């Protein structure tokens, strides 16, 4: 009886540890990488637009200072 219980416990422990040996999920990693890239592009575009708006605000309506 003790041997059967130990065998079942071992099989259960092995079955629970299988996902750890499966390796990385590349589709999730690539999807996250693509989302990071789009976020970075949006932030860059937003900061560029903000700088452009500040430059036009400081230069006046005619585009000349002073």
PDB file of N, CA and C in Angstrom:
ATOM      1  N   UNK A   1       0.828  -1.192   0.000  1.00  0.00           N
ATOM      2  CA  UNK A   1       0.000   0.000   0.000  1.00  0.00           C
ATOM      3  C   UNK A   1       0.880   1.266   0.000  1.00  0.00           C
ATOM      4  N   UNK A   2       1.944   1.231   0.789  1.00  0.00           N
ATOM      5  CA  UNK A   2       2.844   2.372   0.860  1.00  0.00           C
ATOM      6  C   UNK A   2       3.533   2.601  -0.489  1.00  0.00           C
ATOM      7  N   UNK A   3       3.873   1.545  -1.198  1.00  0.00           N
ATOM      8  CA  UNK A   3       4.535   1.648  -2.494  1.00  0.00           C
ATOM      9  C   UNK A   3       3.595   2.253  -3.538  1.00  0.00           C
ATOM     10  N   UNK A   4       2.336   1.854  -3.521  1.00  0.00           N
ATOM     11  CA  UNK A   4       1.357   2.388  -4.478  1.00  0.00           C
ATOM     12  C   UNK A   4       1.149   3.887  -4.217  1.00  0.00           C
ATOM     13  N   UNK A   5       1.037   4.258  -2.941  1.00  0.00           N
ATOM     14  CA  UNK A   5       0.838   5.658  -2.598  1.00  0.00           C
ATOM     15  C   UNK A   5       2.043   6.507  -3.014  1.00  0.00           C
ATOM     16  N   UNK A   6       3.226   5.987  -2.802  1.00  0.00           N
ATOM     17  CA  UNK A   6       4.444   6.691  -3.197  1.00  0.00           C
ATOM     18  C   UNK A   6       4.529   6.831  -4.717  1.00  0.00           C
ATOM     19  N   UNK A   7       4.133   5.793  -5.434  1.00  0.00           N
ATOM     20  CA  UNK A   7       4.142   5.844  -6.897  1.00  0.00           C
ATOM     21  C   UNK A   7       3.137   6.869  -7.412  1.00  0.00           C
ATOM     22  N   UNK A   8       1.959   6.916  -6.836  1.00  0.00           N
ATOM     23  CA  UNK A   8       0.947   7.901  -7.246  1.00  0.00           C
ATOM     24  C   UNK A   8       1.406   9.324  -6.934  1.00  0.00           C
ATOM     25  N   UNK A   9       2.019   9.488  -5.793  1.00  0.00           N
ATOM     26  CA  UNK A   9       2.534  10.798  -5.423  1.00  0.00           C
ATOM     27  C   UNK A   9       3.643  11.237  -6.381  1.00  0.00           C
ATOM     28  N   UNK A  10       4.496  10.333  -6.759  1.00  0.00           N
ATOM     29  CA  UNK A  10       5.581  10.646  -7.700  1.00  0.00           C
ATOM     30  C   UNK A  10       5.035  11.013  -9.070  1.00  0.00           C
ATOM     31  N   UNK A  11       4.058  10.255  -9.541  1.00  0.00           N
ATOM     32  CA  UNK A  11       3.447  10.547 -10.848  1.00  0.00           C
ATOM     33  C   UNK A  11       2.752  11.898 -10.811  1.00  0.00           C
ATOM     34  N   UNK A  12       2.078  12.197  -9.729  1.00  0.00           N
ATOM     35  CA  UNK A  12       1.389  13.486  -9.601  1.00  0.00           C
ATOM     36  C   UNK A  12       2.402  14.639  -9.590  1.00  0.00           C
ATOM     37  N   UNK A  13       3.479  14.485  -8.864  1.00  0.00           N
ATOM     38  CA  UNK A  13       4.508  15.523  -8.820  1.00  0.00           C
ATOM     39  C   UNK A  13       5.135  15.722 -10.195  1.00  0.00           C
ATOM     40  N   UNK A  14       5.383  14.647 -10.902  1.00  0.00           N
ATOM     41  CA  UNK A  14       5.957  14.753 -12.240  1.00  0.00           C
ATOM     42  C   UNK A  14       4.989  15.434 -13.205  1.00  0.00           C
ATOM     43  N   UNK A  15       3.703  15.081 -13.115  1.00  0.00           N
ATOM     44  CA  UNK A  15       2.706  15.681 -14.002  1.00  0.00           C
ATOM     45  C   UNK A  15       2.567  17.176 -13.738  1.00  0.00           C
ATOM     46  N   UNK A  16       2.677  17.574 -12.486  1.00  0.00           N
ATOM     47  CA  UNK A  16       2.575  19.000 -12.159  1.00  0.00           C
ATOM     48  C   UNK A  16       3.804  19.788 -12.608  1.00  0.00           C
ATOM     49  N   UNK A  17       4.919  19.129 -12.734  1.00  0.00           N
ATOM     50  CA  UNK A  17       6.139  19.839 -13.122  1.00  0.00           C
ATOM     51  C   UNK A  17       6.360  19.871 -14.634  1.00  0.00           C
ATOM     52  N   UNK A  18       5.530  19.230 -15.408  1.00  0.00           N
ATOM     53  CA  UNK A  18       5.713  19.216 -16.868  1.00  0.00           C
ATOM     54  C   UNK A  18       5.701  20.605 -17.501  1.00  0.00           C
ATOM     55  N   UNK A  19       4.804  21.515 -17.117  1.00  0.00           N
ATOM     56  CA  UNK A  19       4.854  22.848 -17.739  1.00  0.00           C
ATOM     57  C   UNK A  19       6.180  23.574 -17.524  1.00  0.00           C
ATOM     58  N   UNK A  20       6.885  23.260 -16.477  1.00  0.00           N
ATOM     59  CA  UNK A  20       8.176  23.906 -16.235  1.00  0.00           C
ATOM     60  C   UNK A  20       9.218  23.472 -17.265  1.00  0.00           C
ATOM     61  N   UNK A  21       9.046  22.315 -17.823  1.00  0.00           N
ATOM     62  CA  UNK A  21       9.983  21.810 -18.829  1.00  0.00           C
ATOM     63  C   UNK A  21       9.549  22.156 -20.248  1.00  0.00           C
ATOM     64  N   UNK A  22       8.407  22.789 -20.404  1.00  0.00           N
ATOM     65  CA  UNK A  22       7.851  23.049 -21.728  1.00  0.00           C
ATOM     66  C   UNK A  22       8.635  24.109 -22.493  1.00  0.00           C
ATOM     67  N   UNK A  23       9.248  25.042 -21.793  1.00  0.00           N
ATOM     68  CA  UNK A  23       9.991  26.098 -22.467  1.00  0.00           C
ATOM     69  C   UNK A  23       9.159  27.355 -22.623  1.00  0.00           C
ATOM     70  N   UNK A  24       9.748  28.393 -23.183  1.00  0.00           N
ATOM     71  CA  UNK A  24       9.045  29.672 -23.304  1.00  0.00           C
ATOM     72  C   UNK A  24       7.965  29.633 -24.380  1.00  0.00           C
ATOM     73  N   UNK A  25       6.954  30.457 -24.179  1.00  0.00           N
ATOM     74  CA  UNK A  25       5.878  30.593 -25.153  1.00  0.00           C
ATOM     75  C   UNK A  25       6.245  31.758 -26.079  1.00  0.00           C
ATOM     76  N   UNK A  26       6.796  31.418 -27.232  1.00  0.00           N
ATOM     77  CA  UNK A  26       7.347  32.438 -28.129  1.00  0.00           C
ATOM     78  C   UNK A  26       6.292  33.364 -28.693  1.00  0.00           C
ATOM     79  N   UNK A  27       5.061  32.889 -28.894  1.00  0.00           N
ATOM     80  CA  UNK A  27       4.026  33.769 -29.438  1.00  0.00           C
ATOM     81  C   UNK A  27       3.699  34.885 -28.455  1.00  0.00           C
ATOM     82  N   UNK A  28       3.646  34.571 -27.172  1.00  0.00           N
ATOM     83  CA  UNK A  28       3.373  35.593 -26.167  1.00  0.00           C
ATOM     84  C   UNK A  28       4.525  36.589 -26.096  1.00  0.00           C
ATOM     85  N   UNK A  29       5.739  36.094 -26.165  1.00  0.00           N
ATOM     86  CA  UNK A  29       6.920  36.967 -26.108  1.00  0.00           C
ATOM     87  C   UNK A  29       6.943  37.914 -27.303  1.00  0.00           C
ATOM     88  N   UNK A  30       6.689  37.403 -28.494  1.00  0.00           N
ATOM     89  CA  UNK A  30       6.705  38.245 -29.696  1.00  0.00           C
ATOM     90  C   UNK A  30       5.563  39.255 -29.683  1.00  0.00           C
ATOM     91  N   UNK A  31       4.399  38.860 -29.180  1.00  0.00           N
ATOM     92  CA  UNK A  31       3.270  39.787 -29.101  1.00  0.00           C
ATOM     93  C   UNK A  31       3.596  40.929 -28.135  1.00  0.00           C
ATOM     94  N   UNK A  32       4.196  40.606 -27.006  1.00  0.00           N
ATOM     95  CA  UNK A  32       4.571  41.643 -26.033  1.00  0.00           C
ATOM     96  C   UNK A  32       5.635  42.570 -26.609  1.00  0.00           C
ATOM     97  N   UNK A  33       6.568  42.012 -27.352  1.00  0.00           N
ATOM     98  CA  UNK A  33       7.618  42.822 -27.979  1.00  0.00           C
ATOM     99  C   UNK A  33       7.018  43.795 -28.996  1.00  0.00           C
ATOM    100  N   UNK A  34       6.064  43.325 -29.784  1.00  0.00           N
ATOM    101  CA  UNK A  34       5.419  44.188 -30.779  1.00  0.00           C
ATOM    102  C   UNK A  34       4.624  45.298 -30.097  1.00  0.00           C
ATOM    103  N   UNK A  35       3.957  44.982 -29.000  1.00  0.00           N
ATOM    104  CA  UNK A  35       3.209  46.011 -28.279  1.00  0.00           C
ATOM    105  C   UNK A  35       4.144  47.061 -27.699  1.00  0.00           C
ATOM    106  N   UNK A  36       5.288  46.637 -27.196  1.00  0.00           N
ATOM    107  CA  UNK A  36       6.272  47.586 -26.672  1.00  0.00           C
ATOM    108  C   UNK A  36       6.777  48.516 -27.762  1.00  0.00           C
ATOM    109  N   UNK A  37       7.002  47.968 -28.958  1.00  0.00           N
ATOM    110  CA  UNK A  37       7.483  48.785 -30.068  1.00  0.00           C
ATOM    111  C   UNK A  37       6.446  49.823 -30.472  1.00  0.00           C
ATOM    112  N   UNK A  38       5.181  49.433 -30.547  1.00  0.00           N
ATOM    113  CA  UNK A  38       4.143  50.397 -30.914  1.00  0.00           C
ATOM    114  C   UNK A  38       3.987  51.463 -29.843  1.00  0.00           C
ATOM    115  N   UNK A  39       4.112  51.083 -28.577  1.00  0.00           N
ATOM    116  CA  UNK A  39       4.052  52.072 -27.502  1.00  0.00           C
ATOM    117  C   UNK A  39       5.201  53.068 -27.623  1.00  0.00           C
ATOM    118  N   UNK A  40       6.374  52.581 -27.903  1.00  0.00           N
ATOM    119  CA  UNK A  40       7.532  53.456 -28.025  1.00  0.00           C
ATOM    120  C   UNK A  40       7.361  54.407 -29.206  1.00  0.00           C
ATOM    121  N   UNK A  41       6.834  53.910 -30.321  1.00  0.00           N
ATOM    122  CA  UNK A  41       6.603  54.770 -31.485  1.00  0.00           C
ATOM    123  C   UNK A  41       5.575  55.843 -31.172  1.00  0.00           C
ATOM    124  N   UNK A  42       4.497  55.470 -30.476  1.00  0.00           N
ATOM    125  CA  UNK A  42       3.464  56.447 -30.132  1.00  0.00           C
ATOM    126  C   UNK A  42       4.010  57.516 -29.197  1.00  0.00           C
ATOM    127  N   UNK A  43       4.826  57.108 -28.232  1.00  0.00           N
ATOM    128  CA  UNK A  43       5.413  58.081 -27.317  1.00  0.00           C
ATOM    129  C   UNK A  43       6.374  59.009 -28.050  1.00  0.00           C
ATOM    130  N   UNK A  44       7.134  58.466 -28.979  1.00  0.00           N
ATOM    131  CA  UNK A  44       8.063  59.289 -29.745  1.00  0.00           C
ATOM    132  C   UNK A  44       7.313  60.288 -30.612  1.00  0.00           C
ATOM    133  N   UNK A  45       6.237  59.846 -31.248  1.00  0.00           N
ATOM    134  CA  UNK A  45       5.443  60.740 -32.082  1.00  0.00           C
ATOM    135  C   UNK A  45       4.785  61.829 -31.237  1.00  0.00           C
ATOM    136  N   UNK A  46       4.307  61.446 -30.051  1.00  0.00           N
ATOM    137  CA  UNK A  46       3.657  62.418 -29.177  1.00  0.00           C
ATOM    138  C   UNK A  46       4.650  63.467 -28.697  1.00  0.00           C
ATOM    139  N   UNK A  47       5.844  63.043 -28.325  1.00  0.00           N
ATOM    140  CA  UNK A  47       6.834  64.018 -27.853  1.00  0.00           C
ATOM    141  C   UNK A  47       7.313  64.895 -28.996  1.00  0.00           C
ATOM    142  N   UNK A  48       7.414  64.343 -30.188  1.00  0.00           N
ATOM    143  CA  UNK A  48       7.825  65.127 -31.359  1.00  0.00           C
ATOM    144  C   UNK A  48       6.756  66.169 -31.688  1.00  0.00           C
ATOM    145  N   UNK A  49       5.495  65.783 -31.620  1.00  0.00           N
ATOM    146  CA  UNK A  49       4.407  66.716 -31.887  1.00  0.00           C
ATOM    147  C   UNK A  49       4.360  67.801 -30.822  1.00  0.00           C
ATOM    148  N   UNK A  50       4.624  67.422 -29.592  1.00  0.00           N
ATOM    149  CA  UNK A  50       4.623  68.399 -28.507  1.00  0.00           C
ATOM    150  C   UNK A  50       5.748  69.414 -28.701  1.00  0.00           C
ATOM    151  N   UNK A  51       6.917  68.957 -29.090  1.00  0.00           N
ATOM    152  CA  UNK A  51       8.039  69.869 -29.342  1.00  0.00           C
ATOM    153  C   UNK A  51       7.730  70.782 -30.517  1.00  0.00           C
ATOM    154  N   UNK A  52       7.072  70.247 -31.535  1.00  0.00           N
ATOM    155  CA  UNK A  52       6.713  71.051 -32.704  1.00  0.00           C
ATOM    156  C   UNK A  52       5.710  72.134 -32.317  1.00  0.00           C
ATOM    157  N   UNK A  53       4.750  71.766 -31.470  1.00  0.00           N
ATOM    158  CA  UNK A  53       3.761  72.745 -31.024  1.00  0.00           C
ATOM    159  C   UNK A  53       4.414  73.824 -30.172  1.00  0.00           C
ATOM    160  N   UNK A  54       5.377  73.466 -29.360  1.00  0.00           N
ATOM    161  CA  UNK A  54       6.074  74.448 -28.536  1.00  0.00           C
ATOM    162  C   UNK A  54       6.900  75.384 -29.416  1.00  0.00           C
ATOM    163  N   UNK A  55       7.500  74.859 -30.463  1.00  0.00           N
ATOM    164  CA  UNK A  55       8.320  75.683 -31.349  1.00  0.00           C
ATOM    165  C   UNK A  55       7.450  76.693 -32.081  1.00  0.00           C
ATOM    166  N   UNK A  56       6.265  76.289 -32.530  1.00  0.00           N
ATOM    167  CA  UNK A  56       5.384  77.220 -33.227  1.00  0.00           C
ATOM    168  C   UNK A  56       4.814  78.243 -32.264  1.00  0.00           C
ATOM    169  N   UNK A  57       4.588  77.850 -31.037  1.00  0.00           N
ATOM    170  CA  UNK A  57       4.035  78.794 -30.055  1.00  0.00           C
ATOM    171  C   UNK A  57       5.056  79.878 -29.691  1.00  0.00           C
ATOM    172  N   UNK A  58       6.322  79.521 -29.622  1.00  0.00           N
ATOM    173  CA  UNK A  58       7.349  80.488 -29.270  1.00  0.00           C
ATOM    174  C   UNK A  58       7.761  81.371 -30.449  1.00  0.00           C
ATOM    175  N   UNK A  59       7.589  80.873 -31.671  1.00  0.00           N
ATOM    176  CA  UNK A  59       8.035  81.647 -32.822  1.00  0.00           C
ATOM    177  C   UNK A  59       6.986  82.644 -33.289  1.00  0.00           C
ATOM    178  N   UNK A  60       5.753  82.527 -32.827  1.00  0.00           N
ATOM    179  CA  UNK A  60       4.717  83.482 -33.203  1.00  0.00           C
ATOM    180  C   UNK A  60       3.944  82.985 -34.402  1.00  0.00           C
ATOM    181  N   UNK A  61       2.955  83.793 -34.809  1.00  0.00           N
ATOM    182  CA  UNK A  61       2.049  83.387 -35.879  1.00  0.00           C
ATOM    183  C   UNK A  61       2.726  83.441 -37.239  1.00  0.00           C
ATOM    184  N   UNK A  62       3.605  84.410 -37.453  1.00  0.00           N
ATOM    185  CA  UNK A  62       4.254  84.567 -38.744  1.00  0.00           C
ATOM    186  C   UNK A  62       5.451  83.665 -38.931  1.00  0.00           C
ATOM    187  N   UNK A  63       5.840  82.957 -37.903  1.00  0.00           N
ATOM    188  CA  UNK A  63       6.998  82.090 -38.014  1.00  0.00           C
ATOM    189  C   UNK A  63       8.302  82.795 -37.750  1.00  0.00           C
ATOM    190  N   UNK A  64       8.222  84.095 -37.359  1.00  0.00           N
ATOM    191  CA  UNK A  64       9.434  84.846 -37.058  1.00  0.00           C
ATOM    192  C   UNK A  64       9.387  85.303 -35.600  1.00  0.00           C
ATOM    193  N   UNK A  65      10.536  85.318 -35.004  1.00  0.00           N
ATOM    194  CA  UNK A  65      10.607  85.765 -33.622  1.00  0.00           C
ATOM    195  C   UNK A  65      10.782  87.282 -33.583  1.00  0.00           C
ATOM    196  N   UNK A  66      10.223  87.868 -32.499  1.00  0.00           N
ATOM    197  CA  UNK A  66      10.499  89.257 -32.242  1.00  0.00           C
ATOM    198  C   UNK A  66       9.543  90.179 -32.818  1.00  0.00           C
TER     199      UNK A  66
END
